[in-house]
């Protein structure tokens, strides 16, 4: 055990030395998925699912809304900092994603997207297929900037993070009788797993070798989920959490199969469920005092356009809240989650 701790300590020192000398631990950081990681792509789409207005962004570096579904930084923003980047991967559809700025990675995520293509289409978000299309265009830009050899190194050594699945359940399956009357949660998860496997295979075929994927969070504990499905109680909805746990087990099994099938791939499943569940059920241990209600409005449901500058009851300080709105963690919670991601992701940066 002492040898392993020494090895880990040495690795951490190497990380700190590299970052302190201005060298990111990886050449690029690319992000795919939904609202949990969208930094503004939906600002440029004809969709209602946006967060480019106050009070979103109130505690961000610029103190202005960016399209992030948060009062400040996302977990991926903190992750980018931990990896040594001096800026965050810009939204691919934004003006910031231009020139050499794209060399260190881009964010392709779109709020309300998911593994199930029709989820994104329902809300006019970018499907994962469309995100992959933009990724291919990004690769061409990188090749044109640095040449094929250097670009190949960026693609293979860069980290590719996928965060999806929550919208498929919360914004589609649970409220869509065309799905929940035809498929059981288990059957629907199988459909999502096929999409996940195909997406990872496509990334691999395009040269990606370091891929991370996040599990579902404890969906039954989201403020909006308790409000919509809690039947008047103030507790986490057990059935939804059970579905999330089942999905996460499948995600781990599917990822293991992909690892055995794809030579040279580093594929890490990041457990978001337990760290967030701990923050929700034991908030005081992490410095929070409110984990049932979100900061925005009544804290029970408001998200996206329902969470706005006129929302009555919005808290003045989100620091002590686990949730920013009905579905998304606050900046403070995201920082805790990012620390957990770093601890789980050593394989991607070693």
Protein backbone atom coordinates (compact mmCIF):
# COMPACT_ATOMS: atom_id res chain seq x y z
CA UNK A 1 0.00 0.00 0.00
CA UNK A 2 2.82 2.41 0.90
CA UNK A 3 4.44 1.76 -2.50
CA UNK A 4 1.18 2.57 -4.28
CA UNK A 5 0.74 5.76 -2.26
CA UNK A 6 4.31 6.79 -3.05
CA UNK A 7 3.72 6.09 -6.73
CA UNK A 8 0.54 8.15 -6.69
CA UNK A 9 2.24 10.93 -4.81
CA UNK A 10 5.07 11.00 -7.33
CA UNK A 11 2.61 11.15 -10.18
CA UNK A 12 0.78 14.05 -8.54
CA UNK A 13 4.05 15.92 -8.10
CA UNK A 14 4.81 15.38 -11.79
CA UNK A 15 1.38 16.77 -12.64
CA UNK A 16 1.86 19.84 -10.47
CA UNK A 17 5.36 20.49 -11.91
CA UNK A 18 4.11 20.17 -15.48
CA UNK A 19 1.12 22.46 -14.94
CA UNK A 20 3.12 25.04 -12.96
CA UNK A 21 5.52 25.31 -15.87
CA UNK A 22 2.71 26.18 -18.26
CA UNK A 23 2.46 22.78 -19.89
CA UNK A 24 -1.00 21.21 -20.05
CA UNK A 25 -1.00 17.54 -19.17
CA UNK A 26 -2.64 16.71 -22.51
CA UNK A 27 -2.58 18.59 -25.83
CA UNK A 28 -6.34 18.99 -26.17
CA UNK A 29 -9.63 18.64 -24.35
CA UNK A 30 -12.77 17.97 -26.42
CA UNK A 31 -16.26 17.72 -24.90
CA UNK A 32 -19.49 16.17 -26.17
CA UNK A 33 -22.93 15.82 -24.64
CA UNK A 34 -25.75 17.77 -23.05
CA UNK A 35 -26.56 20.75 -20.81
CA UNK A 36 -24.28 19.60 -18.01
CA UNK A 37 -21.29 20.45 -20.24
CA UNK A 38 -22.70 22.88 -22.85
CA UNK A 39 -20.80 26.18 -22.71
CA UNK A 40 -22.87 28.05 -25.25
CA UNK A 41 -23.52 26.07 -28.41
CA UNK A 42 -27.26 26.35 -27.87
CA UNK A 43 -26.91 30.14 -27.93
CA UNK A 44 -26.58 29.77 -31.68
CA UNK A 45 -29.46 27.35 -32.22
CA UNK A 46 -33.21 27.96 -32.61
CA UNK A 47 -34.06 26.20 -29.37
CA UNK A 48 -35.76 27.26 -26.15
CA UNK A 49 -33.19 25.34 -24.10
CA UNK A 50 -30.72 28.12 -23.43
CA UNK A 51 -28.95 29.75 -20.50
CA UNK A 52 -27.56 32.94 -22.06
CA UNK A 53 -29.38 35.31 -19.75
CA UNK A 54 -29.24 36.26 -16.04
CA UNK A 55 -29.08 34.94 -13.40
CA UNK A 56 -27.02 32.28 -15.23
CA UNK A 57 -23.35 33.27 -15.28
CA UNK A 58 -23.70 35.57 -12.29
CA UNK A 59 -20.59 34.12 -10.62
CA UNK A 60 -18.61 33.28 -13.77
CA UNK A 61 -15.25 34.94 -14.38
CA UNK A 62 -16.87 37.65 -16.51
CA UNK A 63 -20.00 37.82 -14.31
CA UNK A 64 -22.02 37.49 -17.50
CA UNK A 65 -24.16 34.64 -18.86
CA UNK A 66 -22.33 32.47 -21.39
CA UNK A 67 -24.78 29.70 -22.11
CA UNK A 68 -23.61 27.57 -19.20
CA UNK A 69 -26.43 26.13 -17.12
CA UNK A 70 -24.79 27.30 -13.93
CA UNK A 71 -24.15 30.39 -11.85
CA UNK A 72 -20.46 30.03 -12.72
CA UNK A 73 -18.07 27.32 -13.85
CA UNK A 74 -18.99 23.83 -14.97
CA UNK A 75 -17.16 20.74 -13.75
CA UNK A 76 -15.41 20.61 -17.13
CA UNK A 77 -14.16 24.19 -16.66
CA UNK A 78 -12.50 23.20 -13.41
CA UNK A 79 -11.18 20.06 -15.11
CA UNK A 80 -9.59 22.16 -17.84
CA UNK A 81 -7.88 24.24 -15.15
CA UNK A 82 -6.62 21.13 -13.36
CA UNK A 83 -5.23 19.83 -16.65
CA UNK A 84 -3.21 23.01 -17.01
CA UNK A 85 -5.10 24.84 -19.73
CA UNK A 86 -5.18 28.63 -19.48
CA UNK A 87 -8.58 28.85 -21.17
CA UNK A 88 -11.69 26.69 -21.47
CA UNK A 89 -12.60 24.73 -24.62
CA UNK A 90 -14.83 27.18 -26.52
CA UNK A 91 -18.26 26.31 -27.87
CA UNK A 92 -17.72 25.15 -31.44
CA UNK A 93 -20.50 27.40 -32.74
CA UNK A 94 -19.14 30.49 -30.97
CA UNK A 95 -16.86 33.21 -32.31
CA UNK A 96 -14.14 32.10 -29.89
CA UNK A 97 -13.64 28.83 -31.78
CA UNK A 98 -11.44 30.38 -34.44
CA UNK A 99 -7.82 30.15 -35.58
CA UNK A 100 -5.17 28.69 -33.30
CA UNK A 101 -7.59 28.94 -30.41
CA UNK A 102 -9.08 25.59 -31.45
CA UNK A 103 -5.79 23.68 -31.19
CA UNK A 104 -6.29 22.88 -27.51
CA UNK A 105 -9.77 21.49 -27.98
CA UNK A 106 -13.37 22.52 -28.51
CA UNK A 107 -16.72 21.96 -26.81
CA UNK A 108 -19.41 20.40 -29.03
CA UNK A 109 -22.04 19.78 -26.33
CA UNK A 110 -25.62 20.90 -26.75
CA UNK A 111 -28.19 21.23 -23.98
CA UNK A 112 -31.05 18.69 -24.32
CA UNK A 113 -28.95 16.35 -26.43
CA UNK A 114 -28.47 12.69 -25.61
CA UNK A 115 -27.64 9.20 -26.80
CA UNK A 116 -31.17 8.88 -28.20
CA UNK A 117 -31.20 10.97 -31.35
CA UNK A 118 -34.85 11.97 -31.05
CA UNK A 119 -34.22 13.55 -27.66
CA UNK A 120 -32.09 16.25 -29.27
CA UNK A 121 -34.53 16.63 -32.16
CA UNK A 122 -37.42 17.24 -29.76
CA UNK A 123 -35.67 20.35 -28.48
CA UNK A 124 -33.80 21.35 -31.66
CA UNK A 125 -30.46 20.60 -30.05
CA UNK A 126 -27.38 19.10 -31.68
CA UNK A 127 -27.56 15.32 -31.86
CA UNK A 128 -24.43 13.34 -31.07
CA UNK A 129 -24.18 12.60 -34.79
CA UNK A 130 -24.16 16.31 -35.48
CA UNK A 131 -21.59 16.88 -32.74
CA UNK A 132 -19.41 14.22 -34.36
CA UNK A 133 -19.80 15.97 -37.72
CA UNK A 134 -18.47 19.18 -36.16
CA UNK A 135 -15.65 17.19 -34.56
CA UNK A 136 -14.56 16.01 -38.01
CA UNK A 137 -14.56 19.61 -39.23
CA UNK A 138 -12.48 20.57 -36.19
CA UNK A 139 -9.98 17.86 -37.05
CA UNK A 140 -9.60 19.30 -40.54
CA UNK A 141 -8.89 22.73 -39.08
CA UNK A 142 -6.23 21.27 -36.79
CA UNK A 143 -4.57 19.43 -39.68
CA UNK A 144 -4.51 22.64 -41.71
CA UNK A 145 -2.92 24.51 -38.80
CA UNK A 146 -0.22 22.08 -37.69
CA UNK A 147 0.06 19.34 -40.32
CA UNK A 148 -1.09 15.73 -40.30
CA UNK A 149 1.64 14.32 -38.00
CA UNK A 150 1.18 16.88 -35.23
CA UNK A 151 -2.58 16.72 -35.59
CA UNK A 152 -2.59 12.95 -35.19
CA UNK A 153 -0.69 13.37 -31.94
CA UNK A 154 -3.24 15.92 -30.70
CA UNK A 155 -6.13 13.60 -31.55
CA UNK A 156 -4.62 10.52 -29.96
CA UNK A 157 -3.29 12.15 -26.79
CA UNK A 158 -6.12 14.62 -26.25
CA UNK A 159 -8.93 13.81 -23.83
CA UNK A 160 -12.43 13.33 -25.20
CA UNK A 161 -15.21 13.57 -22.62
CA UNK A 162 -18.80 12.44 -23.14
CA UNK A 163 -21.63 13.49 -20.79
CA UNK A 164 -25.06 12.30 -21.88
CA UNK A 165 -28.06 10.24 -20.89
CA UNK A 166 -29.79 12.47 -18.34
CA UNK A 167 -31.83 14.33 -20.96
CA UNK A 168 -32.81 11.04 -22.57
CA UNK A 169 -34.53 10.00 -19.36
CA UNK A 170 -35.59 13.27 -17.73
CA UNK A 171 -36.65 15.24 -20.79
CA UNK A 172 -37.89 12.39 -22.93
CA UNK A 173 -38.45 8.88 -21.60
CA UNK A 174 -40.18 9.68 -18.30
CA UNK A 175 -42.55 12.22 -19.86
CA UNK A 176 -43.06 10.56 -23.24
CA UNK A 177 -45.75 7.83 -23.37
CA UNK A 178 -44.58 6.92 -26.88
CA UNK A 179 -41.43 5.65 -25.17
CA UNK A 180 -42.33 4.62 -21.63
CA UNK A 181 -45.34 2.59 -22.76
CA UNK A 182 -43.30 0.74 -25.35
CA UNK A 183 -39.96 0.24 -23.58
CA UNK A 184 -39.10 -0.57 -20.00
CA UNK A 185 -36.29 1.53 -18.49
CA UNK A 186 -34.02 -1.49 -18.99
CA UNK A 187 -34.92 -1.77 -22.67
CA UNK A 188 -34.49 1.95 -23.20
CA UNK A 189 -31.04 1.75 -21.58
CA UNK A 190 -30.11 -0.96 -24.09
CA UNK A 191 -30.99 1.41 -26.94
CA UNK A 192 -28.82 4.12 -25.38
CA UNK A 193 -25.93 1.68 -24.95
CA UNK A 194 -25.93 0.94 -28.69
CA UNK A 195 -25.69 4.64 -29.42
CA UNK A 196 -22.90 5.06 -26.87
CA UNK A 197 -20.92 2.16 -28.33
CA UNK A 198 -21.27 3.53 -31.85
CA UNK A 199 -20.15 6.98 -30.75
CA UNK A 200 -17.04 5.66 -29.02
CA UNK A 201 -16.25 3.47 -32.04
CA UNK A 202 -16.55 6.51 -34.31
CA UNK A 203 -14.24 8.57 -32.11
CA UNK A 204 -11.76 5.70 -32.09
CA UNK A 205 -11.88 5.43 -35.88
CA UNK A 206 -11.07 9.14 -36.07
CA UNK A 207 -7.94 8.69 -33.97
CA UNK A 208 -9.18 9.35 -30.43
CA UNK A 209 -7.56 7.07 -27.85
CA UNK A 210 -8.26 8.77 -24.53
CA UNK A 211 -11.99 8.85 -23.87
CA UNK A 212 -13.93 9.52 -20.69
CA UNK A 213 -17.66 9.08 -20.14
CA UNK A 214 -19.72 10.17 -17.16
CA UNK A 215 -22.38 8.03 -15.54
CA UNK A 216 -25.89 9.25 -14.89
CA UNK A 217 -26.25 11.32 -11.72
CA UNK A 218 -28.80 10.38 -9.04
CA UNK A 219 -31.61 11.63 -11.27
CA UNK A 220 -34.22 10.93 -8.61
CA UNK A 221 -32.59 13.53 -6.36
CA UNK A 222 -32.67 16.43 -8.81
CA UNK A 223 -34.98 19.16 -7.46
CA UNK A 224 -37.12 19.10 -10.61
CA UNK A 225 -37.38 15.30 -10.49
CA UNK A 226 -38.64 15.35 -6.90
CA UNK A 227 -41.15 18.03 -7.84
CA UNK A 228 -42.40 16.21 -10.95
CA UNK A 229 -42.22 12.59 -9.84
CA UNK A 230 -42.00 12.68 -6.04
CA UNK A 231 -45.78 12.53 -5.50
CA UNK A 232 -45.73 15.28 -2.94
CA UNK A 233 -42.81 13.98 -0.90
CA UNK A 234 -39.60 15.85 -0.28
CA UNK A 235 -37.33 12.85 -0.80
CA UNK A 236 -35.32 11.44 -3.70
CA UNK A 237 -37.43 9.38 -6.09
CA UNK A 238 -36.18 5.84 -5.52
CA UNK A 239 -37.38 4.45 -8.85
CA UNK A 240 -35.49 7.06 -10.86
CA UNK A 241 -32.31 6.45 -8.88
CA UNK A 242 -32.73 2.72 -9.40
CA UNK A 243 -32.97 3.28 -13.16
CA UNK A 244 -29.85 5.44 -13.06
CA UNK A 245 -27.89 2.79 -11.15
CA UNK A 246 -28.97 0.12 -13.62
CA UNK A 247 -27.94 2.34 -16.54
CA UNK A 248 -24.56 3.01 -14.93
CA UNK A 249 -23.87 -0.70 -14.49
CA UNK A 250 -24.59 -1.23 -18.18
CA UNK A 251 -22.35 1.69 -19.05
CA UNK A 252 -19.49 0.07 -17.15
CA UNK A 253 -20.05 -3.33 -18.76
CA UNK A 254 -20.34 -1.85 -22.23
CA UNK A 255 -17.17 0.19 -21.68
CA UNK A 256 -15.27 -2.92 -20.62
CA UNK A 257 -16.32 -4.65 -23.84
CA UNK A 258 -15.18 -1.67 -25.88
CA UNK A 259 -11.81 -1.66 -24.12
CA UNK A 260 -11.27 -5.32 -24.97
CA UNK A 261 -12.33 -4.70 -28.55
CA UNK A 262 -10.40 -1.51 -29.37
CA UNK A 263 -6.58 -1.84 -29.09
CA UNK A 264 -4.77 1.04 -27.45
CA UNK A 265 -7.87 2.79 -26.15
CA UNK A 266 -7.97 4.35 -22.69
CA UNK A 267 -11.63 4.46 -21.75
CA UNK A 268 -12.58 5.67 -18.28
CA UNK A 269 -16.09 5.67 -16.81
CA UNK A 270 -16.38 8.59 -14.42
CA UNK A 271 -18.76 7.95 -11.53
CA UNK A 272 -20.82 11.11 -11.06
CA UNK A 273 -23.63 9.33 -9.23
CA UNK A 274 -21.97 8.70 -5.88
CA UNK A 275 -20.11 12.02 -5.46
CA UNK A 276 -23.27 14.01 -6.24
CA UNK A 277 -25.44 11.70 -4.12
CA UNK A 278 -23.09 12.34 -1.19
CA UNK A 279 -23.37 16.10 -1.67
CA UNK A 280 -27.16 15.82 -1.75
CA UNK A 281 -27.63 13.48 1.21
CA UNK A 282 -24.80 14.83 3.38
CA UNK A 283 -24.51 18.48 2.31
CA UNK A 284 -23.07 19.80 5.57
CA UNK A 285 -20.01 17.55 5.27
CA UNK A 286 -19.02 19.44 2.11
CA UNK A 287 -19.98 22.91 3.29
CA UNK A 288 -23.49 23.13 1.81
CA UNK A 289 -26.69 23.87 3.67
CA UNK A 290 -29.30 23.38 0.92
CA UNK A 291 -29.51 20.33 -1.32
CA UNK A 292 -33.25 19.84 -1.83
CA UNK A 293 -34.05 23.21 -3.38
CA UNK A 294 -32.02 24.96 -6.06
CA UNK A 295 -30.87 28.56 -5.92
CA UNK A 296 -33.07 29.80 -8.77
CA UNK A 297 -36.66 30.89 -8.11
CA UNK A 298 -38.61 28.55 -5.87
CA UNK A 299 -35.80 26.03 -6.32
CA UNK A 300 -38.21 23.25 -7.14
CA UNK A 301 -38.44 23.27 -10.92
CA UNK A 302 -37.09 26.37 -12.68
CA UNK A 303 -34.58 25.65 -15.42
CA UNK A 304 -33.59 27.36 -18.68
CA UNK A 305 -36.11 30.09 -19.65
CA UNK A 306 -38.06 29.47 -16.42
CA UNK A 307 -34.94 30.49 -14.50
CA UNK A 308 -34.55 34.15 -15.36
CA UNK A 309 -33.91 37.58 -13.87
CA UNK A 310 -37.57 37.86 -12.83
CA UNK A 311 -37.72 34.50 -11.05
CA UNK A 312 -39.07 35.27 -7.58
CA UNK A 313 -37.10 33.82 -4.69
CA UNK A 314 -33.70 33.38 -6.34
CA UNK A 315 -30.98 33.18 -3.70
CA UNK A 316 -28.43 35.97 -3.42
CA UNK A 317 -25.53 33.59 -2.83
CA UNK A 318 -25.37 30.21 -4.57
CA UNK A 319 -22.21 29.09 -2.76
CA UNK A 320 -24.09 27.05 -0.19
CA UNK A 321 -26.48 25.44 -2.68
CA UNK A 322 -25.78 22.09 -4.33
CA UNK A 323 -28.03 23.02 -7.26
CA UNK A 324 -28.13 26.15 -9.39
CA UNK A 325 -31.47 25.33 -11.00
CA UNK A 326 -33.88 22.41 -11.04
CA UNK A 327 -31.49 20.13 -12.92
CA UNK A 328 -27.94 21.48 -12.76
CA UNK A 329 -25.31 21.71 -10.01
CA UNK A 330 -23.99 25.04 -8.75
CA UNK A 331 -20.44 26.19 -9.32
CA UNK A 332 -19.49 25.11 -5.81
CA UNK A 333 -20.87 21.62 -6.39
CA UNK A 334 -19.20 21.46 -9.80
CA UNK A 335 -15.84 22.16 -8.20
CA UNK A 336 -16.33 19.20 -5.86
CA UNK A 337 -17.38 16.98 -8.77
CA UNK A 338 -14.36 18.06 -10.83
CA UNK A 339 -12.04 17.05 -8.01
CA UNK A 340 -13.63 13.61 -8.08
CA UNK A 341 -13.22 13.45 -11.86
CA UNK A 342 -9.52 14.22 -11.52
CA UNK A 343 -9.04 11.46 -8.96
CA UNK A 344 -10.80 8.94 -11.19
CA UNK A 345 -9.11 9.97 -14.44
CA UNK A 346 -5.41 9.31 -13.86
CA UNK A 347 -5.39 6.72 -16.64
CA UNK A 348 -6.31 9.36 -19.21
CA UNK A 349 -3.37 11.60 -18.37
CA UNK A 350 -0.68 9.04 -17.54
